Protein backbone atom coordinates (compact mmCIF):
# COMPACT_ATOMS: atom_id res chain seq x y z
CA UNK A 1 93.08 69.12 132.04
CA UNK A 2 96.15 69.40 134.00
CA UNK A 3 98.09 72.00 133.94
CA UNK A 4 102.43 71.83 132.93
CA UNK A 5 105.54 72.61 135.05
CA UNK A 6 106.01 76.31 134.99
CA UNK A 7 109.01 76.61 133.07
CA UNK A 8 109.13 77.44 129.62
CA UNK A 9 110.51 73.61 128.41
CA UNK A 10 108.09 72.14 130.31
CA UNK A 11 104.92 74.26 128.83
CA UNK A 12 106.84 72.87 125.53
CA UNK A 13 106.55 69.46 126.05
CA UNK A 14 103.15 69.95 126.84
CA UNK A 15 102.52 71.46 123.50
CA UNK A 16 104.75 68.90 121.77
CA UNK A 17 102.77 66.22 123.59
CA UNK A 18 98.89 67.54 122.50
CA UNK A 19 100.27 68.38 118.84
CA UNK A 20 101.70 65.06 118.16
CA UNK A 21 98.53 63.63 119.16
CA UNK A 22 96.34 65.31 117.20
CA UNK A 23 98.39 65.08 114.26
CA UNK A 24 97.91 61.16 114.90
CA UNK A 25 93.91 61.70 114.98
CA UNK A 26 94.13 63.61 111.45
CA UNK A 27 96.83 61.16 109.79
CA UNK A 28 97.68 57.66 110.90
CA UNK A 29 94.15 57.58 113.00
CA UNK A 30 92.09 59.56 110.78
CA UNK A 31 89.36 56.59 109.94
CA UNK A 32 88.85 56.22 113.70
CA UNK A 33 89.07 60.20 114.18
CA UNK A 34 86.23 60.50 110.77
CA UNK A 35 83.90 57.72 112.42
CA UNK A 36 83.88 59.35 116.00
CA UNK A 37 83.26 63.15 113.98
CA UNK A 38 79.47 62.17 113.87
CA UNK A 39 77.10 65.34 112.55
CA UNK A 40 74.04 63.39 114.74
CA UNK A 41 75.61 63.89 118.13
CA UNK A 42 76.11 67.56 119.94
CA UNK A 43 78.93 69.95 119.16
CA UNK A 44 82.46 68.06 119.22
CA UNK A 45 85.92 68.97 119.92
CA UNK A 46 89.30 67.68 119.11
CA UNK A 47 91.40 67.17 122.20
CA UNK A 48 95.34 66.71 121.95
CA UNK A 49 96.14 65.35 125.48
CA UNK A 50 100.34 65.61 126.60
CA UNK A 51 100.36 62.31 126.43
CA UNK A 52 100.12 62.24 123.26
CA UNK A 53 96.68 60.62 123.01
CA UNK A 54 93.74 61.94 121.69
CA UNK A 55 89.89 61.98 122.16
CA UNK A 56 86.81 63.92 120.57
CA UNK A 57 84.55 64.83 123.10
CA UNK A 58 82.11 67.11 124.15
CA UNK A 59 83.63 70.63 125.50
CA UNK A 60 83.56 71.10 129.01
CA UNK A 61 80.43 72.30 130.47
CA UNK A 62 81.93 75.17 132.92
CA UNK A 63 81.59 78.48 131.73
CA UNK A 64 84.16 80.09 131.31
CA UNK A 65 86.38 76.85 131.05
CA UNK A 66 89.54 76.97 133.21
CA UNK A 67 91.55 76.91 130.02
CA UNK A 68 91.22 77.31 126.39
CA UNK A 69 88.51 75.15 124.51
CA UNK A 70 89.53 73.19 120.98
CA UNK A 71 86.48 74.60 118.42
CA UNK A 72 83.51 72.92 118.74
CA UNK A 73 81.40 71.69 116.18
CA UNK A 74 84.06 70.63 114.21
CA UNK A 75 81.84 66.91 113.63
CA UNK A 76 79.13 69.65 111.84
CA UNK A 77 80.71 70.06 109.19
CA UNK A 78 81.98 66.92 108.43
CA UNK A 79 79.90 65.42 105.83
CA UNK A 80 79.60 69.52 103.84
CA UNK A 81 82.96 69.55 102.61
CA UNK A 82 85.80 67.56 100.86
CA UNK A 83 87.76 65.31 103.55
CA UNK A 84 90.63 67.10 102.54
CA UNK A 85 89.08 70.77 103.20
CA UNK A 86 87.20 69.47 106.20
CA UNK A 87 90.93 68.14 107.53
CA UNK A 88 92.69 71.42 106.84
CA UNK A 89 89.84 73.22 108.90
CA UNK A 90 89.79 71.05 111.62
CA UNK A 91 94.13 71.63 111.78
CA UNK A 92 93.62 75.39 111.66
CA UNK A 93 91.65 75.66 114.35
CA UNK A 94 94.05 72.98 116.40
CA UNK A 95 96.87 75.02 115.57
CA UNK A 96 94.69 78.32 116.65
CA UNK A 97 94.44 75.74 119.98
CA UNK A 98 97.57 74.85 121.14
CA UNK A 99 98.96 78.22 120.85
CA UNK A 100 96.39 79.80 122.69
CA UNK A 101 96.77 76.82 125.14
CA UNK A 102 100.55 77.60 125.40
CA UNK A 103 100.46 81.12 126.04
CA UNK A 104 97.69 80.94 128.12
CA UNK A 105 99.98 79.22 130.33
CA UNK A 106 102.39 81.40 129.60
CA UNK A 107 100.31 84.09 131.16
CA UNK A 108 99.42 82.17 134.11
CA UNK A 109 102.67 81.58 135.29
CA UNK A 110 104.63 85.08 134.24
CA UNK A 111 106.37 85.04 131.70
CA UNK A 112 108.23 88.23 130.47
CA UNK A 113 108.74 88.98 127.20
CA UNK A 114 112.32 87.23 127.08
CA UNK A 115 110.10 83.62 127.82
CA UNK A 116 107.43 84.62 125.71
CA UNK A 117 109.73 84.58 122.62
CA UNK A 118 111.68 81.75 123.70
CA UNK A 119 108.43 79.74 123.62
CA UNK A 120 106.70 80.63 120.48
CA UNK A 121 110.41 80.21 119.01
CA UNK A 122 110.67 77.08 120.32
CA UNK A 123 107.19 76.07 118.83
CA UNK A 124 108.10 77.65 115.61
CA UNK A 125 110.64 75.55 114.73
CA UNK A 126 108.20 72.59 114.30
CA UNK A 127 106.34 72.32 111.60
CA UNK A 128 102.34 73.61 112.30
CA UNK A 129 99.88 70.89 112.35
CA UNK A 130 97.93 72.44 109.08
CA UNK A 131 101.24 72.08 107.46
CA UNK A 132 101.93 68.53 108.59
CA UNK A 133 98.09 67.53 107.21
CA UNK A 134 97.93 68.92 103.41
CA UNK A 135 101.84 68.08 102.69
CA UNK A 136 103.13 71.78 103.21
CA UNK A 137 105.91 70.59 105.36
CA UNK A 138 107.43 68.14 102.95
CA UNK A 139 107.46 70.35 99.81
CA UNK A 140 109.02 73.00 102.28
CA UNK A 141 111.76 70.38 103.43
CA UNK A 142 112.43 69.37 99.69
CA UNK A 143 112.29 72.62 97.97
CA UNK A 144 114.87 73.94 101.19
CA UNK A 145 117.03 71.11 100.25
CA UNK A 146 117.11 71.81 96.92
CA UNK A 147 118.18 75.31 97.67
CA UNK A 148 120.49 74.33 99.74
CA UNK A 149 122.23 71.76 97.28
CA UNK A 150 121.77 74.13 94.09
CA UNK A 151 124.13 77.35 96.34
CA UNK A 152 127.18 75.57 95.69
CA UNK A 153 126.98 75.84 92.10
CA UNK A 154 125.20 79.11 92.15
CA UNK A 155 128.23 80.66 94.49
CA UNK A 156 130.43 79.50 91.84
CA UNK A 157 128.73 80.69 88.71
CA UNK A 158 128.92 83.92 90.60
CA UNK A 159 131.90 83.75 90.78
CA UNK A 160 132.59 83.24 87.68
CA UNK A 161 131.05 85.69 86.38
CA UNK A 162 133.12 88.33 88.65
CA UNK A 163 136.65 87.04 87.55
CA UNK A 164 135.18 87.52 83.98
CA UNK A 165 134.32 90.90 84.95
CA UNK A 166 137.75 91.81 86.41
CA UNK A 167 139.75 90.20 83.98
CA UNK A 168 138.07 91.54 81.07
CA UNK A 169 137.65 88.09 79.30
CA UNK A 170 134.20 86.64 79.23
CA UNK A 171 133.83 83.46 80.70
CA UNK A 172 131.00 80.57 79.41
CA UNK A 173 128.35 81.23 82.45
CA UNK A 174 127.17 78.11 83.96
CA UNK A 175 128.63 75.75 81.72
CA UNK A 176 131.18 73.40 82.30
CA UNK A 177 134.31 73.38 80.04
CA UNK A 178 135.17 70.33 78.21
CA UNK A 179 138.69 70.26 76.21
CA UNK A 180 137.42 71.48 73.15
CA UNK A 181 136.29 74.65 74.31
CA UNK A 182 139.69 75.06 76.43
CA UNK A 183 141.49 74.59 73.15
CA UNK A 184 139.08 77.41 71.23
CA UNK A 185 139.93 79.50 74.26
CA UNK A 186 143.87 78.91 73.94
CA UNK A 187 143.47 79.59 70.00
CA UNK A 188 140.91 83.04 70.52
CA UNK A 189 143.70 84.31 73.04
CA UNK A 190 147.12 83.47 70.80
CA UNK A 191 144.86 84.72 67.60
CA UNK A 192 143.37 88.05 68.59
CA UNK A 193 140.81 89.70 71.05
CA UNK A 194 137.08 88.60 71.00
CA UNK A 195 134.57 90.56 69.76
CA UNK A 196 131.08 91.55 70.73
CA UNK A 197 128.92 89.46 68.29
CA UNK A 198 125.92 92.55 68.77
CA UNK A 199 128.20 95.83 68.58
CA UNK A 200 130.77 93.76 67.23
CA UNK A 201 133.77 95.72 69.36
CA UNK A 202 135.92 94.41 72.66
CA UNK A 203 136.00 97.57 74.40
CA UNK A 204 136.77 98.12 77.99
CA UNK A 205 138.63 95.77 80.43
CA UNK A 206 136.16 95.91 83.05
CA UNK A 207 133.27 94.65 80.83
CA UNK A 208 130.81 91.86 82.01
CA UNK A 209 130.53 88.94 78.86
CA UNK A 210 128.22 86.50 78.50
CA UNK A 211 127.89 83.60 75.95
CA UNK A 212 125.18 82.24 73.78
CA UNK A 213 124.70 78.37 74.01
CA UNK A 214 123.07 78.39 70.86
CA UNK A 215 126.20 79.86 68.37
CA UNK A 216 128.39 79.68 71.01
CA UNK A 217 129.24 83.96 70.34
CA UNK A 218 130.45 86.10 73.04
CA UNK A 219 128.32 89.63 73.76
CA UNK A 220 128.39 92.62 76.36
CA UNK A 221 126.23 92.01 78.99
CA UNK A 222 125.25 95.80 78.26
CA UNK A 223 124.24 95.08 74.80
CA UNK A 224 121.92 92.04 75.48
CA UNK A 225 120.88 94.06 78.58
CA UNK A 226 122.09 91.14 80.92
CA UNK A 227 123.20 91.93 84.15
CA UNK A 228 125.54 90.11 86.35
CA UNK A 229 123.10 88.96 88.84
CA UNK A 230 120.38 88.39 86.14
CA UNK A 231 123.03 85.50 84.43
CA UNK A 232 123.65 83.74 87.64
CA UNK A 233 119.98 82.87 87.37
CA UNK A 234 120.16 81.40 83.50
CA UNK A 235 120.89 78.11 83.07
CA UNK A 236 121.05 78.61 79.16
CA UNK A 237 121.24 81.60 77.89
CA UNK A 238 120.25 81.98 74.01
CA UNK A 239 121.08 85.68 72.14
CA UNK A 240 118.40 87.64 70.69
CA UNK A 241 119.28 86.27 66.96
CA UNK A 242 119.24 82.61 67.96
CA UNK A 243 116.30 83.53 70.39
CA UNK A 244 114.41 85.07 67.01
CA UNK A 245 115.11 82.65 64.88
CA UNK A 246 113.96 80.00 66.99
CA UNK A 247 110.58 81.56 66.71
CA UNK A 248 110.61 82.05 63.25
CA UNK A 249 110.75 78.48 62.49
């Protein structure tokens, strides 16, 4: 195997080419790969090449080898495991081999701490082969997208809670207000202060309040043991009374 150039970028390109090759073997070319890993043959290894091609071959006979070698004998485990488990096992060992190979080149070319960190960070930006093969990479991207989409609404909820706390007036958690609710709030302002559904009082101007989505009564957060931080994670709040009524039915 030909060594890459001496820069971090060149070693990273070598890493990417080999990684792409192995992913092909374990995904799009999996039928061909499976066939080549005949348990009746000798110890076999999966090699990813810098030109994005892969091959199943015998390990080099040179001892010690010029470069780190992939795990050998992957073919022996083929028929003793479920296909997905076997592919996951090969993927994990392939990830380990690529890391070993990249850091071998780094050591050989005299990388310092900063170069090693930069090389690792560049590699770490890509999903591992294991994550790609098992579908974990797609799941992580989807979850990250969901977190990103929800962050806006979450920050708005937090601001509502803080505003209610500062003004001493309850603001309904995580629920958009319709016209009827606006009218109701105006009526409350005109006809008196809101009373807590638990203690029956309206004491303190800096209290945190939360509204039950079932009975629509307001409660001091401390009376129902709900903090502003916890309220940010509650989509639909039920007060203790409504919760117990539901269980009784």
